[in-house]
Amino acid sequence: MTQSIAGDCPTCNQAFTVAFPSVTPNSLKCPTCEQNWDYSVVPLEGCSICGCRYFYRQKDFNQLLGCSIVLLGAVVVPAIIGYFLGYRYLLVITICSLSVFTGVDVLLYRQVSDMAVCYDCRCEFRGFEIPSAIVNFEHFFAERFEKEN
């Protein structure tokens, strides 16, 4: 997997995705406004965009798609099958459907790689080797980085 950084530019607020340059130093810049970012810090020891030193780990999977799969397994499939087979089997159909979708979810969870996300600017670091010191999201820790609207 190629190393990339994705997020919102702090200058122009446009979404960006840039491949992380492994050879050319200091060449990270926003594709929209051409803002240069200093990444003198090693990735995942500090954020290349905002300089924050705190990251969390999460699966590199579209969360909307994941929720849709769960909704499909919990509501839609049992309702459609129950309509054709009769609703007296609805509980059995629902349990079977949830079991199948849970199995699919476990397989996806094991296959999808992790990415690191900066607590401060929410930039996503894909394809990097994530140190074991970077753990899953912690709500109380994230409150430090909440910005006033």
C-alpha atoms as a PDB file:
ATOM      1  CA  MET A   1       0.000   0.000   0.000  1.00  0.00           C
ATOM      2  CA  THR A   2       1.299   3.437  -0.857  1.00  0.00           C
ATOM      3  CA  GLN A   3       1.829   5.905   1.912  1.00  0.00           C
ATOM      4  CA  SER A   4      -0.571   8.842   1.793  1.00  0.00           C
ATOM      5  CA  ILE A   5      -1.917  11.630   3.957  1.00  0.00           C
ATOM      6  CA  ALA A   6      -5.518  12.848   3.616  1.00  0.00           C
ATOM      7  CA  GLY A   7      -7.376  15.609   5.411  1.00  0.00           C
ATOM      8  CA  ASP A   8      -8.548  19.203   5.133  1.00  0.00           C
ATOM      9  CA  CYS A   9      -6.051  21.958   4.337  1.00  0.00           C
ATOM     10  CA  PRO A  10      -5.787  24.390   7.271  1.00  0.00           C
ATOM     11  CA  THR A  11      -5.384  27.308   4.842  1.00  0.00           C
ATOM     12  CA  CYS A  12      -8.125  26.781   2.227  1.00  0.00           C
ATOM     13  CA  ASN A  13     -10.284  24.160   4.043  1.00  0.00           C
ATOM     14  CA  GLN A  14     -10.381  21.974   0.924  1.00  0.00           C
ATOM     15  CA  ALA A  15     -10.061  18.196   1.211  1.00  0.00           C
ATOM     16  CA  PHE A  16      -6.764  16.796  -0.025  1.00  0.00           C
ATOM     17  CA  THR A  17      -4.979  13.488  -0.457  1.00  0.00           C
ATOM     18  CA  VAL A  18      -1.256  13.538  -1.142  1.00  0.00           C
ATOM     19  CA  ALA A  19       1.146  10.657  -1.608  1.00  0.00           C
ATOM     20  CA  PHE A  20       3.824  10.841   1.034  1.00  0.00           C
ATOM     21  CA  PRO A  21       7.158  11.594  -0.623  1.00  0.00           C
ATOM     22  CA  SER A  22       9.830   9.234   0.580  1.00  0.00           C
ATOM     23  CA  VAL A  23      12.672  10.826  -1.414  1.00  0.00           C
ATOM     24  CA  THR A  24      12.067  14.566  -1.890  1.00  0.00           C
ATOM     25  CA  PRO A  25      12.300  16.401   1.435  1.00  0.00           C
ATOM     26  CA  ASN A  26       9.835  19.138   2.358  1.00  0.00           C
ATOM     27  CA  SER A  27       7.671  18.742  -0.752  1.00  0.00           C
ATOM     28  CA  LEU A  28       4.297  18.193   0.886  1.00  0.00           C
ATOM     29  CA  LYS A  29       1.837  20.830  -0.298  1.00  0.00           C
ATOM     30  CA  CYS A  30      -1.872  21.351  -0.754  1.00  0.00           C
ATOM     31  CA  PRO A  31      -2.959  20.546  -4.324  1.00  0.00           C
ATOM     32  CA  THR A  32      -5.552  23.365  -4.245  1.00  0.00           C
ATOM     33  CA  CYS A  33      -3.822  26.392  -2.697  1.00  0.00           C
ATOM     34  CA  GLU A  34      -0.191  25.218  -3.002  1.00  0.00           C
ATOM     35  CA  GLN A  35       0.388  25.765   0.753  1.00  0.00           C
ATOM     36  CA  ASN A  36       3.652  24.053   1.751  1.00  0.00           C
ATOM     37  CA  TRP A  37       3.721  21.969   4.914  1.00  0.00           C
ATOM     38  CA  ASP A  38       6.908  21.416   6.837  1.00  0.00           C
ATOM     39  CA  TYR A  39       7.263  17.800   7.665  1.00  0.00           C
ATOM     40  CA  SER A  40      10.617  17.869   9.346  1.00  0.00           C
ATOM     41  CA  VAL A  41       9.132  15.463  11.893  1.00  0.00           C
ATOM     42  CA  VAL A  42       8.986  11.752  11.158  1.00  0.00           C
ATOM     43  CA  PRO A  43       5.411  10.709  10.264  1.00  0.00           C
ATOM     44  CA  LEU A  44       3.525   9.320  13.275  1.00  0.00           C
ATOM     45  CA  GLU A  45       6.012  10.930  15.632  1.00  0.00           C
ATOM     46  CA  GLY A  46       4.368  14.217  14.711  1.00  0.00           C
ATOM     47  CA  CYS A  47       1.705  15.284  12.239  1.00  0.00           C
ATOM     48  CA  SER A  48       3.117  16.548   8.955  1.00  0.00           C
ATOM     49  CA  ILE A  49       0.281  19.083   8.636  1.00  0.00           C
ATOM     50  CA  CYS A  50      -0.242  20.588  12.108  1.00  0.00           C
ATOM     51  CA  GLY A  51       2.719  19.285  14.128  1.00  0.00           C
ATOM     52  CA  CYS A  52       0.566  17.512  16.759  1.00  0.00           C
ATOM     53  CA  ARG A  53       2.252  14.521  18.421  1.00  0.00           C
ATOM     54  CA  TYR A  54      -0.916  12.568  19.263  1.00  0.00           C
ATOM     55  CA  PHE A  55      -2.586  10.005  17.029  1.00  0.00           C
ATOM     56  CA  TYR A  56      -5.148   7.269  17.323  1.00  0.00           C
ATOM     57  CA  ARG A  57      -5.596   4.038  15.416  1.00  0.00           C
ATOM     58  CA  GLN A  58      -8.694   3.057  13.463  1.00  0.00           C
ATOM     59  CA  LYS A  59      -9.630   0.671  10.689  1.00  0.00           C
ATOM     60  CA  ASP A  60      -9.242   2.048   7.169  1.00  0.00           C
ATOM     61  CA  PHE A  61     -12.842   1.311   6.224  1.00  0.00           C
ATOM     62  CA  ASN A  62     -15.719   3.538   5.168  1.00  0.00           C
ATOM     63  CA  GLN A  63     -17.849   3.877   8.319  1.00  0.00           C
ATOM     64  CA  LEU A  64     -21.030   4.695   6.389  1.00  0.00           C
ATOM     65  CA  LEU A  65     -20.651   1.477   4.394  1.00  0.00           C
ATOM     66  CA  GLY A  66     -20.083  -0.486   7.613  1.00  0.00           C
ATOM     67  CA  CYS A  67     -23.232   0.918   9.228  1.00  0.00           C
ATOM     68  CA  SER A  68     -25.197   0.196   6.056  1.00  0.00           C
ATOM     69  CA  ILE A  69     -24.105  -3.449   6.135  1.00  0.00           C
ATOM     70  CA  VAL A  70     -25.228  -3.769   9.757  1.00  0.00           C
ATOM     71  CA  LEU A  71     -28.572  -2.110   8.961  1.00  0.00           C
ATOM     72  CA  LEU A  72     -29.049  -4.440   6.005  1.00  0.00           C
ATOM     73  CA  GLY A  73     -28.370  -7.490   8.176  1.00  0.00           C
ATOM     74  CA  ALA A  74     -30.530  -6.357  11.084  1.00  0.00           C
ATOM     75  CA  VAL A  75     -33.607  -4.933   9.399  1.00  0.00           C
ATOM     76  CA  VAL A  76     -33.888  -5.214   5.650  1.00  0.00           C
ATOM     77  CA  VAL A  77     -32.987  -8.868   5.036  1.00  0.00           C
ATOM     78  CA  PRO A  78     -35.237 -10.306   7.785  1.00  0.00           C
ATOM     79  CA  ALA A  79     -38.138  -8.084   6.697  1.00  0.00           C
ATOM     80  CA  ILE A  80     -37.904  -9.112   3.052  1.00  0.00           C
ATOM     81  CA  ILE A  81     -37.398 -12.817   3.768  1.00  0.00           C
ATOM     82  CA  GLY A  82     -40.105 -12.712   6.442  1.00  0.00           C
ATOM     83  CA  TYR A  83     -42.512 -11.247   3.929  1.00  0.00           C
ATOM     84  CA  PHE A  84     -42.006 -14.184   1.560  1.00  0.00           C
ATOM     85  CA  LEU A  85     -41.749 -16.986   4.160  1.00  0.00           C
ATOM     86  CA  GLY A  86     -44.215 -15.628   6.667  1.00  0.00           C
ATOM     87  CA  TYR A  87     -43.591 -13.560   9.737  1.00  0.00           C
ATOM     88  CA  ARG A  88     -43.941 -16.447  12.185  1.00  0.00           C
ATOM     89  CA  TYR A  89     -40.336 -17.346  11.309  1.00  0.00           C
ATOM     90  CA  LEU A  90     -39.125 -13.771  11.703  1.00  0.00           C
ATOM     91  CA  LEU A  91     -37.134 -14.398  14.901  1.00  0.00           C
ATOM     92  CA  VAL A  92     -35.292 -17.374  13.392  1.00  0.00           C
ATOM     93  CA  ILE A  93     -34.635 -15.468  10.166  1.00  0.00           C
ATOM     94  CA  THR A  94     -33.345 -12.453  12.093  1.00  0.00           C
ATOM     95  CA  ILE A  95     -30.970 -14.549  14.215  1.00  0.00           C
ATOM     96  CA  CYS A  96     -29.638 -16.355  11.124  1.00  0.00           C
ATOM     97  CA  SER A  97     -29.263 -13.090   9.220  1.00  0.00           C
ATOM     98  CA  LEU A  98     -27.406 -11.395  12.073  1.00  0.00           C
ATOM     99  CA  SER A  99     -25.134 -14.444  12.436  1.00  0.00           C
ATOM    100  CA  VAL A 100     -24.199 -14.343   8.758  1.00  0.00           C
ATOM    101  CA  PHE A 101     -23.595 -10.581   8.774  1.00  0.00           C
ATOM    102  CA  THR A 102     -21.562 -10.863  11.988  1.00  0.00           C
ATOM    103  CA  GLY A 103     -19.348 -13.433  10.256  1.00  0.00           C
ATOM    104  CA  VAL A 104     -18.910 -11.130   7.265  1.00  0.00           C
ATOM    105  CA  ASP A 105     -18.094  -8.258   9.629  1.00  0.00           C
ATOM    106  CA  VAL A 106     -15.415 -10.309  11.411  1.00  0.00           C
ATOM    107  CA  LEU A 107     -13.833 -11.278   8.084  1.00  0.00           C
ATOM    108  CA  LEU A 108     -13.780  -7.644   6.948  1.00  0.00           C
ATOM    109  CA  TYR A 109     -12.342  -6.528  10.290  1.00  0.00           C
ATOM    110  CA  ARG A 110      -9.438  -8.954   9.966  1.00  0.00           C
ATOM    111  CA  GLN A 111      -8.701  -8.069   6.330  1.00  0.00           C
ATOM    112  CA  VAL A 112      -8.841  -4.272   6.532  1.00  0.00           C
ATOM    113  CA  SER A 113      -5.620  -2.538   7.527  1.00  0.00           C
ATOM    114  CA  ASP A 114      -5.264   0.142  10.188  1.00  0.00           C
ATOM    115  CA  MET A 115      -4.585   3.826   9.664  1.00  0.00           C
ATOM    116  CA  ALA A 116      -3.473   6.534  12.063  1.00  0.00           C
ATOM    117  CA  VAL A 117      -5.466   9.735  12.552  1.00  0.00           C
ATOM    118  CA  CYS A 118      -4.180  12.969  14.075  1.00  0.00           C
ATOM    119  CA  TYR A 119      -6.216  14.047  17.101  1.00  0.00           C
ATOM    120  CA  ASP A 120      -5.830  17.752  16.300  1.00  0.00           C
ATOM    121  CA  CYS A 121      -6.390  18.179  12.539  1.00  0.00           C
ATOM    122  CA  ARG A 122      -7.957  14.735  11.832  1.00  0.00           C
ATOM    123  CA  CYS A 123      -5.520  13.999   8.978  1.00  0.00           C
ATOM    124  CA  GLU A 124      -5.464  10.315   8.028  1.00  0.00           C
ATOM    125  CA  PHE A 125      -2.135   8.548   7.577  1.00  0.00           C
ATOM    126  CA  ARG A 126      -2.524   5.461   5.373  1.00  0.00           C
ATOM    127  CA  GLY A 127       0.117   2.887   4.517  1.00  0.00           C
ATOM    128  CA  PHE A 128       2.489   3.772   7.359  1.00  0.00           C
ATOM    129  CA  GLU A 129       3.786   1.267   9.889  1.00  0.00           C
ATOM    130  CA  ILE A 130       1.809   2.193  13.009  1.00  0.00           C
ATOM    131  CA  PRO A 131       3.740   1.932  16.283  1.00  0.00           C
ATOM    132  CA  SER A 132       2.151  -0.083  19.094  1.00  0.00           C
ATOM    133  CA  ALA A 133       2.119   3.059  21.258  1.00  0.00           C
ATOM    134  CA  ILE A 134      -0.672   4.459  19.067  1.00  0.00           C
ATOM    135  CA  VAL A 135      -3.900   3.055  20.477  1.00  0.00           C
ATOM    136  CA  ASN A 136      -7.596   3.286  19.588  1.00  0.00           C
ATOM    137  CA  PHE A 137      -9.562   6.515  19.953  1.00  0.00           C
ATOM    138  CA  GLU A 138      -9.912   7.809  23.518  1.00  0.00           C
ATOM    139  CA  HIS A 139     -12.805  10.243  24.047  1.00  0.00           C
ATOM    140  CA  PHE A 140     -11.427  11.941  27.152  1.00  0.00           C
ATOM    141  CA  PHE A 141      -8.070  12.490  25.463  1.00  0.00           C
ATOM    142  CA  ALA A 142      -9.756  13.885  22.330  1.00  0.00           C
ATOM    143  CA  GLU A 143     -11.548  16.567  24.389  1.00  0.00           C
ATOM    144  CA  ARG A 144      -8.207  18.376  24.679  1.00  0.00           C
ATOM    145  CA  PHE A 145      -8.250  18.994  20.953  1.00  0.00           C
ATOM    146  CA  GLU A 146     -11.855  20.131  20.504  1.00  0.00           C
ATOM    147  CA  LYS A 147     -12.064  23.500  18.832  1.00  0.00           C
ATOM    148  CA  GLU A 148     -14.661  26.164  19.565  1.00  0.00           C
ATOM    149  CA  ASN A 149     -17.035  26.825  16.665  1.00  0.00           C
END
